[in-house]
All heavy atoms as atom14 arrays in JSON, in Angstrom:
{
  "sequence": "AARADRVIARARTHEGDTLCFAHGHVGRVLGARWVGLPAAAGARLALA",
  "atom14_mask": [
    [1, 1, 1, 1, 1, 0, 0, 0, 0, 0, 0, 0, 0, 0],
    [1, 1, 1, 1, 1, 0, 0, 0, 0, 0, 0, 0, 0, 0],
    [1, 1, 1, 1, 1, 1, 1, 1, 1, 1, 1, 0, 0, 0],
    [1, 1, 1, 1, 1, 0, 0, 0, 0, 0, 0, 0, 0, 0],
    [1, 1, 1, 1, 1, 1, 1, 1, 0, 0, 0, 0, 0, 0],
    [1, 1, 1, 1, 1, 1, 1, 1, 1, 1, 1, 0, 0, 0],
    [1, 1, 1, 1, 1, 1, 1, 0, 0, 0, 0, 0, 0, 0],
    [1, 1, 1, 1, 1, 1, 1, 1, 0, 0, 0, 0, 0, 0],
    [1, 1, 1, 1, 1, 0, 0, 0, 0, 0, 0, 0, 0, 0],
    [1, 1, 1, 1, 1, 1, 1, 1, 1, 1, 1, 0, 0, 0],
    [1, 1, 1, 1, 1, 0, 0, 0, 0, 0, 0, 0, 0, 0],
    [1, 1, 1, 1, 1, 1, 1, 1, 1, 1, 1, 0, 0, 0],
    [1, 1, 1, 1, 1, 1, 1, 0, 0, 0, 0, 0, 0, 0],
    [1, 1, 1, 1, 1, 1, 1, 1, 1, 1, 0, 0, 0, 0],
    [1, 1, 1, 1, 1, 1, 1, 1, 1, 0, 0, 0, 0, 0],
    [1, 1, 1, 1, 0, 0, 0, 0, 0, 0, 0, 0, 0, 0],
    [1, 1, 1, 1, 1, 1, 1, 1, 0, 0, 0, 0, 0, 0],
    [1, 1, 1, 1, 1, 1, 1, 0, 0, 0, 0, 0, 0, 0],
    [1, 1, 1, 1, 1, 1, 1, 1, 0, 0, 0, 0, 0, 0],
    [1, 1, 1, 1, 1, 1, 0, 0, 0, 0, 0, 0, 0, 0],
    [1, 1, 1, 1, 1, 1, 1, 1, 1, 1, 1, 0, 0, 0],
    [1, 1, 1, 1, 1, 0, 0, 0, 0, 0, 0, 0, 0, 0],
    [1, 1, 1, 1, 1, 1, 1, 1, 1, 1, 0, 0, 0, 0],
    [1, 1, 1, 1, 0, 0, 0, 0, 0, 0, 0, 0, 0, 0],
    [1, 1, 1, 1, 1, 1, 1, 1, 1, 1, 0, 0, 0, 0],
    [1, 1, 1, 1, 1, 1, 1, 0, 0, 0, 0, 0, 0, 0],
    [1, 1, 1, 1, 0, 0, 0, 0, 0, 0, 0, 0, 0, 0],
    [1, 1, 1, 1, 1, 1, 1, 1, 1, 1, 1, 0, 0, 0],
    [1, 1, 1, 1, 1, 1, 1, 0, 0, 0, 0, 0, 0, 0],
    [1, 1, 1, 1, 1, 1, 1, 1, 0, 0, 0, 0, 0, 0],
    [1, 1, 1, 1, 0, 0, 0, 0, 0, 0, 0, 0, 0, 0],
    [1, 1, 1, 1, 1, 0, 0, 0, 0, 0, 0, 0, 0, 0],
    [1, 1, 1, 1, 1, 1, 1, 1, 1, 1, 1, 0, 0, 0],
    [1, 1, 1, 1, 1, 1, 1, 1, 1, 1, 1, 1, 1, 1],
    [1, 1, 1, 1, 1, 1, 1, 0, 0, 0, 0, 0, 0, 0],
    [1, 1, 1, 1, 0, 0, 0, 0, 0, 0, 0, 0, 0, 0],
    [1, 1, 1, 1, 1, 1, 1, 1, 0, 0, 0, 0, 0, 0],
    [1, 1, 1, 1, 1, 1, 1, 0, 0, 0, 0, 0, 0, 0],
    [1, 1, 1, 1, 1, 0, 0, 0, 0, 0, 0, 0, 0, 0],
    [1, 1, 1, 1, 1, 0, 0, 0, 0, 0, 0, 0, 0, 0],
    [1, 1, 1, 1, 1, 0, 0, 0, 0, 0, 0, 0, 0, 0],
    [1, 1, 1, 1, 0, 0, 0, 0, 0, 0, 0, 0, 0, 0],
    [1, 1, 1, 1, 1, 0, 0, 0, 0, 0, 0, 0, 0, 0],
    [1, 1, 1, 1, 1, 1, 1, 1, 1, 1, 1, 0, 0, 0],
    [1, 1, 1, 1, 1, 1, 1, 1, 0, 0, 0, 0, 0, 0],
    [1, 1, 1, 1, 1, 0, 0, 0, 0, 0, 0, 0, 0, 0],
    [1, 1, 1, 1, 1, 1, 1, 1, 0, 0, 0, 0, 0, 0],
    [1, 1, 1, 1, 1, 0, 0, 0, 0, 0, 0, 0, 0, 0]
  ],
  "atom14_positions": [
    [[45.42, -121.02, 15.92], [45.56, -121.92, 14.98], [45.18, -123.41, 15.3], [44.55, -124.14, 14.58], [46.96, -121.95, 14.28], [0.0, 0.0, 0.0], [0.0, 0.0, 0.0], [0.0, 0.0, 0.0], [0.0, 0.0, 0.0], [0.0, 0.0, 0.0], [0.0, 0.0, 0.0], [0.0, 0.0, 0.0], [0.0, 0.0, 0.0], [0.0, 0.0, 0.0]],
    [[45.56, -123.76, 16.46], [45.29, -125.15, 17.03], [43.83, -125.28, 17.18], [43.2, -126.31, 16.8], [45.92, -125.34, 18.43], [0.0, 0.0, 0.0], [0.0, 0.0, 0.0], [0.0, 0.0, 0.0], [0.0, 0.0, 0.0], [0.0, 0.0, 0.0], [0.0, 0.0, 0.0], [0.0, 0.0, 0.0], [0.0, 0.0, 0.0], [0.0, 0.0, 0.0]],
    [[43.13, -124.22, 17.6], [41.53, -124.39, 17.77], [40.99, -124.43, 16.37], [40.04, -125.26, 16.1], [41.03, -123.05, 18.52], [41.4, -123.05, 19.88], [40.54, -122.08, 20.67], [40.87, -120.68, 20.48], [40.08, -119.76, 19.85], [38.95, -120.09, 19.41], [40.54, -118.46, 19.79], [0.0, 0.0, 0.0], [0.0, 0.0, 0.0], [0.0, 0.0, 0.0]],
    [[41.5, -123.61, 15.38], [40.99, -123.68, 13.94], [41.22, -125.18, 13.52], [40.35, -125.66, 12.75], [41.66, -122.64, 13.11], [0.0, 0.0, 0.0], [0.0, 0.0, 0.0], [0.0, 0.0, 0.0], [0.0, 0.0, 0.0], [0.0, 0.0, 0.0], [0.0, 0.0, 0.0], [0.0, 0.0, 0.0], [0.0, 0.0, 0.0], [0.0, 0.0, 0.0]],
    [[42.29, -125.7, 13.7], [42.66, -126.98, 13.13], [41.72, -128.01, 13.7], [41.24, -128.88, 13.03], [44.19, -127.35, 13.5], [45.11, -126.62, 12.66], [44.71, -125.84, 11.64], [46.27, -126.68, 12.95], [0.0, 0.0, 0.0], [0.0, 0.0, 0.0], [0.0, 0.0, 0.0], [0.0, 0.0, 0.0], [0.0, 0.0, 0.0], [0.0, 0.0, 0.0]],
    [[41.28, -127.81, 14.95], [40.34, -128.8, 15.62], [38.9, -128.71, 14.95], [38.29, -129.61, 14.62], [40.28, -128.63, 17.04], [41.59, -129.04, 17.89], [41.28, -129.16, 19.33], [40.9, -127.91, 19.9], [41.82, -127.12, 20.55], [43.11, -127.34, 20.46], [41.42, -125.88, 21.13], [0.0, 0.0, 0.0], [0.0, 0.0, 0.0], [0.0, 0.0, 0.0]],
    [[38.47, -127.47, 14.75], [37.29, -127.12, 13.88], [37.21, -127.82, 12.65], [36.3, -128.52, 12.24], [36.93, -125.68, 13.83], [35.76, -125.37, 12.96], [36.76, -125.07, 15.2], [0.0, 0.0, 0.0], [0.0, 0.0, 0.0], [0.0, 0.0, 0.0], [0.0, 0.0, 0.0], [0.0, 0.0, 0.0], [0.0, 0.0, 0.0], [0.0, 0.0, 0.0]],
    [[38.3, -127.61, 11.84], [38.53, -128.22, 10.49], [38.46, -129.71, 10.55], [37.74, -130.36, 9.71], [39.8, -127.61, 9.8], [39.54, -126.16, 9.49], [40.17, -128.45, 8.6], [40.99, -125.54, 9.17], [0.0, 0.0, 0.0], [0.0, 0.0, 0.0], [0.0, 0.0, 0.0], [0.0, 0.0, 0.0], [0.0, 0.0, 0.0], [0.0, 0.0, 0.0]],
    [[39.24, -130.26, 11.59], [39.31, -131.76, 11.72], [37.84, -132.27, 11.9], [37.52, -133.25, 11.38], [40.28, -132.21, 12.79], [0.0, 0.0, 0.0], [0.0, 0.0, 0.0], [0.0, 0.0, 0.0], [0.0, 0.0, 0.0], [0.0, 0.0, 0.0], [0.0, 0.0, 0.0], [0.0, 0.0, 0.0], [0.0, 0.0, 0.0], [0.0, 0.0, 0.0]],
    [[37.09, -131.62, 12.72], [35.72, -132.12, 13.0], [34.86, -131.95, 11.8], [34.1, -132.78, 11.41], [35.11, -131.4, 14.2], [35.74, -131.85, 15.59], [34.93, -131.22, 16.75], [35.1, -129.9, 16.87], [35.98, -129.27, 17.51], [37.05, -129.98, 18.15], [35.97, -127.91, 17.7], [0.0, 0.0, 0.0], [0.0, 0.0, 0.0], [0.0, 0.0, 0.0]],
    [[35.01, -130.79, 11.14], [34.2, -130.63, 9.85], [34.48, -131.67, 8.81], [33.57, -132.09, 8.14], [34.36, -129.25, 9.38], [0.0, 0.0, 0.0], [0.0, 0.0, 0.0], [0.0, 0.0, 0.0], [0.0, 0.0, 0.0], [0.0, 0.0, 0.0], [0.0, 0.0, 0.0], [0.0, 0.0, 0.0], [0.0, 0.0, 0.0], [0.0, 0.0, 0.0]],
    [[35.69, -132.06, 8.75], [36.1, -133.03, 7.81], [35.69, -134.48, 8.05], [35.69, -135.31, 7.2], [37.62, -133.05, 7.51], [38.06, -131.76, 6.73], [39.52, -131.73, 6.46], [39.89, -130.63, 5.72], [41.04, -130.1, 5.6], [42.06, -130.74, 5.93], [41.28, -129.01, 4.72], [0.0, 0.0, 0.0], [0.0, 0.0, 0.0], [0.0, 0.0, 0.0]],
    [[35.15, -134.71, 9.26], [34.56, -136.06, 9.59], [33.19, -136.25, 9.01], [32.55, -137.32, 9.0], [34.57, -136.3, 11.09], [33.67, -135.35, 11.68], [35.96, -136.18, 11.67], [0.0, 0.0, 0.0], [0.0, 0.0, 0.0], [0.0, 0.0, 0.0], [0.0, 0.0, 0.0], [0.0, 0.0, 0.0], [0.0, 0.0, 0.0], [0.0, 0.0, 0.0]],
    [[32.5, -135.06, 8.59], [31.19, -135.11, 8.1], [31.15, -135.33, 6.57], [31.99, -134.94, 5.89], [30.52, -133.87, 8.45], [30.32, -133.59, 9.91], [29.58, -134.31, 10.77], [30.77, -132.5, 10.72], [29.69, -133.76, 11.91], [30.43, -132.73, 11.92], [0.0, 0.0, 0.0], [0.0, 0.0, 0.0], [0.0, 0.0, 0.0], [0.0, 0.0, 0.0]],
    [[30.11, -136.1, 6.17], [29.95, -136.43, 4.68], [29.52, -134.98, 4.12], [29.89, -134.66, 2.96], [29.05, -137.45, 4.49], [29.54, -138.81, 4.81], [30.62, -139.27, 3.83], [30.57, -139.01, 2.62], [31.61, -139.82, 4.4], [0.0, 0.0, 0.0], [0.0, 0.0, 0.0], [0.0, 0.0, 0.0], [0.0, 0.0, 0.0], [0.0, 0.0, 0.0]],
    [[28.58, -134.27, 4.79], [28.0, -133.12, 4.31], [28.66, -131.82, 4.79], [29.67, -131.84, 5.4], [0.0, 0.0, 0.0], [0.0, 0.0, 0.0], [0.0, 0.0, 0.0], [0.0, 0.0, 0.0], [0.0, 0.0, 0.0], [0.0, 0.0, 0.0], [0.0, 0.0, 0.0], [0.0, 0.0, 0.0], [0.0, 0.0, 0.0], [0.0, 0.0, 0.0]],
    [[27.99, -130.7, 4.44], [28.64, -129.44, 4.87], [28.38, -129.04, 6.3], [27.42, -129.39, 7.0], [28.0, -128.33, 3.87], [28.29, -128.51, 2.49], [29.27, -129.0, 2.18], [27.52, -127.98, 1.72], [0.0, 0.0, 0.0], [0.0, 0.0, 0.0], [0.0, 0.0, 0.0], [0.0, 0.0, 0.0], [0.0, 0.0, 0.0], [0.0, 0.0, 0.0]],
    [[29.27, -128.32, 6.81], [29.25, -127.77, 8.19], [29.14, -126.27, 8.09], [29.92, -125.67, 7.27], [30.53, -128.13, 8.94], [30.65, -129.56, 9.16], [30.49, -127.52, 10.39], [0.0, 0.0, 0.0], [0.0, 0.0, 0.0], [0.0, 0.0, 0.0], [0.0, 0.0, 0.0], [0.0, 0.0, 0.0], [0.0, 0.0, 0.0], [0.0, 0.0, 0.0]],
    [[28.18, -125.72, 8.87], [27.99, -124.24, 8.94], [28.54, -123.65, 10.23], [28.11, -124.31, 11.33], [26.54, -123.9, 8.75], [26.19, -122.5, 8.92], [26.8, -121.5, 7.9], [24.66, -122.31, 8.87], [0.0, 0.0, 0.0], [0.0, 0.0, 0.0], [0.0, 0.0, 0.0], [0.0, 0.0, 0.0], [0.0, 0.0, 0.0], [0.0, 0.0, 0.0]],
    [[29.44, -122.76, 10.15], [29.93, -122.22, 11.5], [29.7, -120.7, 11.58], [29.89, -120.07, 10.68], [31.56, -122.41, 11.5], [32.12, -124.05, 11.31], [0.0, 0.0, 0.0], [0.0, 0.0, 0.0], [0.0, 0.0, 0.0], [0.0, 0.0, 0.0], [0.0, 0.0, 0.0], [0.0, 0.0, 0.0], [0.0, 0.0, 0.0], [0.0, 0.0, 0.0]],
    [[29.22, -120.28, 12.86], [29.06, -118.86, 13.06], [30.23, -118.53, 13.94], [30.35, -119.07, 15.11], [27.71, -118.65, 13.78], [26.59, -118.93, 12.8], [25.94, -120.15, 12.64], [26.05, -117.82, 12.0], [24.89, -120.33, 11.75], [25.04, -118.01, 11.06], [24.45, -119.27, 11.02], [0.0, 0.0, 0.0], [0.0, 0.0, 0.0], [0.0, 0.0, 0.0]],
    [[30.98, -117.66, 13.62], [32.22, -117.16, 14.22], [32.44, -115.72, 14.18], [31.52, -114.93, 14.04], [33.35, -118.11, 13.87], [0.0, 0.0, 0.0], [0.0, 0.0, 0.0], [0.0, 0.0, 0.0], [0.0, 0.0, 0.0], [0.0, 0.0, 0.0], [0.0, 0.0, 0.0], [0.0, 0.0, 0.0], [0.0, 0.0, 0.0], [0.0, 0.0, 0.0]],
    [[33.68, -115.37, 14.15], [34.22, -114.04, 14.43], [35.27, -113.66, 13.28], [35.73, -114.56, 12.57], [34.74, -113.82, 15.7], [33.9, -114.25, 16.87], [32.96, -113.48, 17.34], [33.77, -115.41, 17.39], [32.18, -114.16, 18.26], [32.66, -115.42, 18.38], [0.0, 0.0, 0.0], [0.0, 0.0, 0.0], [0.0, 0.0, 0.0], [0.0, 0.0, 0.0]],
    [[35.69, -112.43, 13.29], [36.59, -111.95, 12.22], [38.01, -112.59, 12.19], [38.41, -113.18, 11.29], [0.0, 0.0, 0.0], [0.0, 0.0, 0.0], [0.0, 0.0, 0.0], [0.0, 0.0, 0.0], [0.0, 0.0, 0.0], [0.0, 0.0, 0.0], [0.0, 0.0, 0.0], [0.0, 0.0, 0.0], [0.0, 0.0, 0.0], [0.0, 0.0, 0.0]],
    [[38.73, -112.47, 13.34], [40.06, -113.07, 13.31], [40.17, -114.55, 13.35], [40.88, -115.18, 12.54], [40.96, -112.45, 14.5], [41.39, -111.16, 14.26], [41.24, -110.06, 15.13], [42.2, -110.6, 13.28], [41.89, -108.89, 14.7], [42.4, -109.32, 13.43], [0.0, 0.0, 0.0], [0.0, 0.0, 0.0], [0.0, 0.0, 0.0], [0.0, 0.0, 0.0]],
    [[39.3, -115.15, 14.25], [39.26, -116.63, 14.12], [38.85, -117.23, 12.8], [39.38, -118.2, 12.28], [38.52, -117.3, 15.26], [36.99, -117.22, 15.1], [38.93, -118.77, 15.51], [0.0, 0.0, 0.0], [0.0, 0.0, 0.0], [0.0, 0.0, 0.0], [0.0, 0.0, 0.0], [0.0, 0.0, 0.0], [0.0, 0.0, 0.0], [0.0, 0.0, 0.0]],
    [[37.89, -116.48, 12.21], [37.46, -116.86, 10.81], [38.57, -116.79, 9.79], [38.67, -117.65, 8.85], [0.0, 0.0, 0.0], [0.0, 0.0, 0.0], [0.0, 0.0, 0.0], [0.0, 0.0, 0.0], [0.0, 0.0, 0.0], [0.0, 0.0, 0.0], [0.0, 0.0, 0.0], [0.0, 0.0, 0.0], [0.0, 0.0, 0.0], [0.0, 0.0, 0.0]],
    [[39.33, -115.73, 9.81], [40.44, -115.54, 8.9], [41.55, -116.75, 9.11], [42.09, -117.1, 8.15], [41.0, -114.19, 9.12], [40.06, -113.04, 8.7], [40.44, -111.7, 9.25], [41.61, -111.21, 8.45], [42.06, -109.97, 8.56], [41.5, -109.1, 9.46], [43.15, -109.53, 7.87], [0.0, 0.0, 0.0], [0.0, 0.0, 0.0], [0.0, 0.0, 0.0]],
    [[41.76, -117.02, 10.37], [42.7, -118.11, 10.62], [42.14, -119.4, 10.09], [42.84, -120.16, 9.52], [42.98, -118.19, 12.19], [43.68, -119.5, 12.43], [43.76, -116.97, 12.69], [0.0, 0.0, 0.0], [0.0, 0.0, 0.0], [0.0, 0.0, 0.0], [0.0, 0.0, 0.0], [0.0, 0.0, 0.0], [0.0, 0.0, 0.0], [0.0, 0.0, 0.0]],
    [[40.84, -119.65, 10.32], [40.17, -120.86, 9.7], [40.4, -120.98, 8.15], [40.68, -121.94, 7.52], [38.62, -120.79, 9.94], [38.17, -121.49, 11.14], [36.68, -121.07, 11.49], [38.37, -122.95, 11.24], [0.0, 0.0, 0.0], [0.0, 0.0, 0.0], [0.0, 0.0, 0.0], [0.0, 0.0, 0.0], [0.0, 0.0, 0.0], [0.0, 0.0, 0.0]],
    [[40.14, -119.79, 7.51], [40.39, -119.79, 6.07], [41.79, -120.06, 5.73], [42.02, -120.98, 4.78], [0.0, 0.0, 0.0], [0.0, 0.0, 0.0], [0.0, 0.0, 0.0], [0.0, 0.0, 0.0], [0.0, 0.0, 0.0], [0.0, 0.0, 0.0], [0.0, 0.0, 0.0], [0.0, 0.0, 0.0], [0.0, 0.0, 0.0], [0.0, 0.0, 0.0]],
    [[42.79, -119.45, 6.32], [44.15, -119.81, 6.09], [44.6, -121.25, 6.35], [45.17, -121.98, 5.48], [45.1, -118.87, 6.82], [0.0, 0.0, 0.0], [0.0, 0.0, 0.0], [0.0, 0.0, 0.0], [0.0, 0.0, 0.0], [0.0, 0.0, 0.0], [0.0, 0.0, 0.0], [0.0, 0.0, 0.0], [0.0, 0.0, 0.0], [0.0, 0.0, 0.0]],
    [[44.12, -121.73, 7.51], [44.42, -123.07, 7.93], [43.77, -124.15, 6.91], [44.33, -125.26, 6.62], [44.1, -123.36, 9.25], [44.89, -122.59, 10.41], [46.35, -122.74, 10.21], [46.72, -124.1, 10.48], [47.67, -124.81, 9.94], [48.49, -124.16, 9.0], [47.92, -126.08, 10.16], [0.0, 0.0, 0.0], [0.0, 0.0, 0.0], [0.0, 0.0, 0.0]],
    [[42.45, -123.88, 6.42], [41.82, -124.8, 5.66], [42.67, -125.04, 4.36], [42.67, -126.25, 3.85], [40.43, -124.11, 5.21], [39.69, -125.1, 4.18], [39.59, -124.88, 2.8], [38.92, -126.13, 4.54], [38.94, -125.9, 2.34], [38.37, -126.62, 3.34], [38.57, -126.83, 5.72], [37.56, -127.86, 3.16], [37.77, -127.85, 5.67], [37.28, -128.41, 4.43]],
    [[43.26, -124.09, 3.71], [44.04, -124.27, 2.53], [45.46, -124.45, 2.89], [46.35, -124.43, 2.02], [43.86, -123.04, 1.53], [42.46, -122.99, 1.08], [44.33, -121.74, 2.27], [0.0, 0.0, 0.0], [0.0, 0.0, 0.0], [0.0, 0.0, 0.0], [0.0, 0.0, 0.0], [0.0, 0.0, 0.0], [0.0, 0.0, 0.0], [0.0, 0.0, 0.0]],
    [[45.88, -124.85, 4.1], [47.27, -125.34, 4.48], [48.2, -124.17, 4.68], [49.47, -124.43, 4.65], [0.0, 0.0, 0.0], [0.0, 0.0, 0.0], [0.0, 0.0, 0.0], [0.0, 0.0, 0.0], [0.0, 0.0, 0.0], [0.0, 0.0, 0.0], [0.0, 0.0, 0.0], [0.0, 0.0, 0.0], [0.0, 0.0, 0.0], [0.0, 0.0, 0.0]],
    [[47.69, -122.97, 4.87], [48.77, -121.88, 4.99], [48.81, -121.61, 6.57], [48.08, -122.03, 7.39], [48.17, -120.61, 4.42], [47.99, -120.56, 2.93], [47.31, -119.35, 2.37], [49.31, -120.73, 2.22], [0.0, 0.0, 0.0], [0.0, 0.0, 0.0], [0.0, 0.0, 0.0], [0.0, 0.0, 0.0], [0.0, 0.0, 0.0], [0.0, 0.0, 0.0]],
    [[49.99, -120.95, 6.88], [50.13, -120.63, 8.28], [49.11, -119.74, 8.8], [48.44, -118.91, 7.96], [51.5, -119.84, 8.37], [52.14, -119.97, 7.02], [50.99, -120.44, 6.05], [0.0, 0.0, 0.0], [0.0, 0.0, 0.0], [0.0, 0.0, 0.0], [0.0, 0.0, 0.0], [0.0, 0.0, 0.0], [0.0, 0.0, 0.0], [0.0, 0.0, 0.0]],
    [[48.76, -119.73, 10.06], [47.68, -118.89, 10.63], [47.94, -117.32, 10.24], [46.91, -116.7, 10.0], [47.54, -119.05, 12.13], [0.0, 0.0, 0.0], [0.0, 0.0, 0.0], [0.0, 0.0, 0.0], [0.0, 0.0, 0.0], [0.0, 0.0, 0.0], [0.0, 0.0, 0.0], [0.0, 0.0, 0.0], [0.0, 0.0, 0.0], [0.0, 0.0, 0.0]],
    [[49.12, -116.84, 10.22], [49.45, -115.51, 9.95], [48.96, -115.05, 8.49], [48.72, -113.87, 8.27], [50.93, -115.21, 10.05], [0.0, 0.0, 0.0], [0.0, 0.0, 0.0], [0.0, 0.0, 0.0], [0.0, 0.0, 0.0], [0.0, 0.0, 0.0], [0.0, 0.0, 0.0], [0.0, 0.0, 0.0], [0.0, 0.0, 0.0], [0.0, 0.0, 0.0]],
    [[48.79, -116.05, 7.59], [48.27, -115.7, 6.28], [46.87, -115.21, 6.41], [46.35, -114.59, 5.4], [48.31, -116.98, 5.37], [0.0, 0.0, 0.0], [0.0, 0.0, 0.0], [0.0, 0.0, 0.0], [0.0, 0.0, 0.0], [0.0, 0.0, 0.0], [0.0, 0.0, 0.0], [0.0, 0.0, 0.0], [0.0, 0.0, 0.0], [0.0, 0.0, 0.0]],
    [[46.15, -115.36, 7.51], [44.75, -114.83, 7.68], [44.88, -113.29, 7.64], [43.87, -112.6, 7.27], [0.0, 0.0, 0.0], [0.0, 0.0, 0.0], [0.0, 0.0, 0.0], [0.0, 0.0, 0.0], [0.0, 0.0, 0.0], [0.0, 0.0, 0.0], [0.0, 0.0, 0.0], [0.0, 0.0, 0.0], [0.0, 0.0, 0.0], [0.0, 0.0, 0.0]],
    [[46.01, -112.66, 7.78], [46.19, -111.2, 7.48], [45.7, -110.79, 6.07], [45.25, -109.62, 5.95], [47.57, -110.75, 7.68], [0.0, 0.0, 0.0], [0.0, 0.0, 0.0], [0.0, 0.0, 0.0], [0.0, 0.0, 0.0], [0.0, 0.0, 0.0], [0.0, 0.0, 0.0], [0.0, 0.0, 0.0], [0.0, 0.0, 0.0], [0.0, 0.0, 0.0]],
    [[45.79, -111.57, 5.14], [45.4, -111.34, 3.68], [44.03, -111.68, 3.41], [43.65, -111.48, 2.17], [46.33, -112.13, 2.84], [47.98, -111.98, 3.22], [48.58, -111.52, 1.93], [50.08, -111.49, 2.21], [50.66, -110.32, 2.49], [50.01, -109.26, 2.54], [51.97, -110.24, 2.73], [0.0, 0.0, 0.0], [0.0, 0.0, 0.0], [0.0, 0.0, 0.0]],
    [[43.17, -111.99, 4.43], [41.85, -112.42, 4.2], [40.81, -111.5, 4.99], [40.47, -111.85, 6.01], [41.68, -113.85, 4.61], [42.45, -114.98, 3.88], [42.31, -116.33, 4.61], [42.07, -115.13, 2.44], [0.0, 0.0, 0.0], [0.0, 0.0, 0.0], [0.0, 0.0, 0.0], [0.0, 0.0, 0.0], [0.0, 0.0, 0.0], [0.0, 0.0, 0.0]],
    [[40.65, -110.37, 4.47], [39.75, -109.37, 5.04], [38.32, -110.05, 5.18], [37.88, -110.94, 4.42], [39.59, -108.2, 4.17], [0.0, 0.0, 0.0], [0.0, 0.0, 0.0], [0.0, 0.0, 0.0], [0.0, 0.0, 0.0], [0.0, 0.0, 0.0], [0.0, 0.0, 0.0], [0.0, 0.0, 0.0], [0.0, 0.0, 0.0], [0.0, 0.0, 0.0]],
    [[37.65, -109.79, 6.35], [36.4, -110.46, 6.69], [35.54, -109.42, 7.36], [35.68, -109.11, 8.58], [36.66, -111.62, 7.6], [35.59, -112.66, 7.74], [35.1, -113.12, 6.38], [35.96, -113.83, 8.66], [0.0, 0.0, 0.0], [0.0, 0.0, 0.0], [0.0, 0.0, 0.0], [0.0, 0.0, 0.0], [0.0, 0.0, 0.0], [0.0, 0.0, 0.0]],
    [[34.49, -108.89, 6.68], [33.49, -108.1, 7.18], [32.49, -108.72, 7.99], [32.31, -109.92, 7.93], [33.0, -107.27, 6.03], [0.0, 0.0, 0.0], [0.0, 0.0, 0.0], [0.0, 0.0, 0.0], [0.0, 0.0, 0.0], [0.0, 0.0, 0.0], [0.0, 0.0, 0.0], [0.0, 0.0, 0.0], [0.0, 0.0, 0.0], [0.0, 0.0, 0.0]]
  ]
}
């Protein structure tokens, strides 16, 4: 979650969009943390 929060903080410093190439679990944590949920909420975000 701390790593995901750092990615999000850096992305939010940009005016434009950030494209990230990552993995299943860390991507699910990114999704949960983006919307302010605990990292464990990533369990509800399937990612193929």
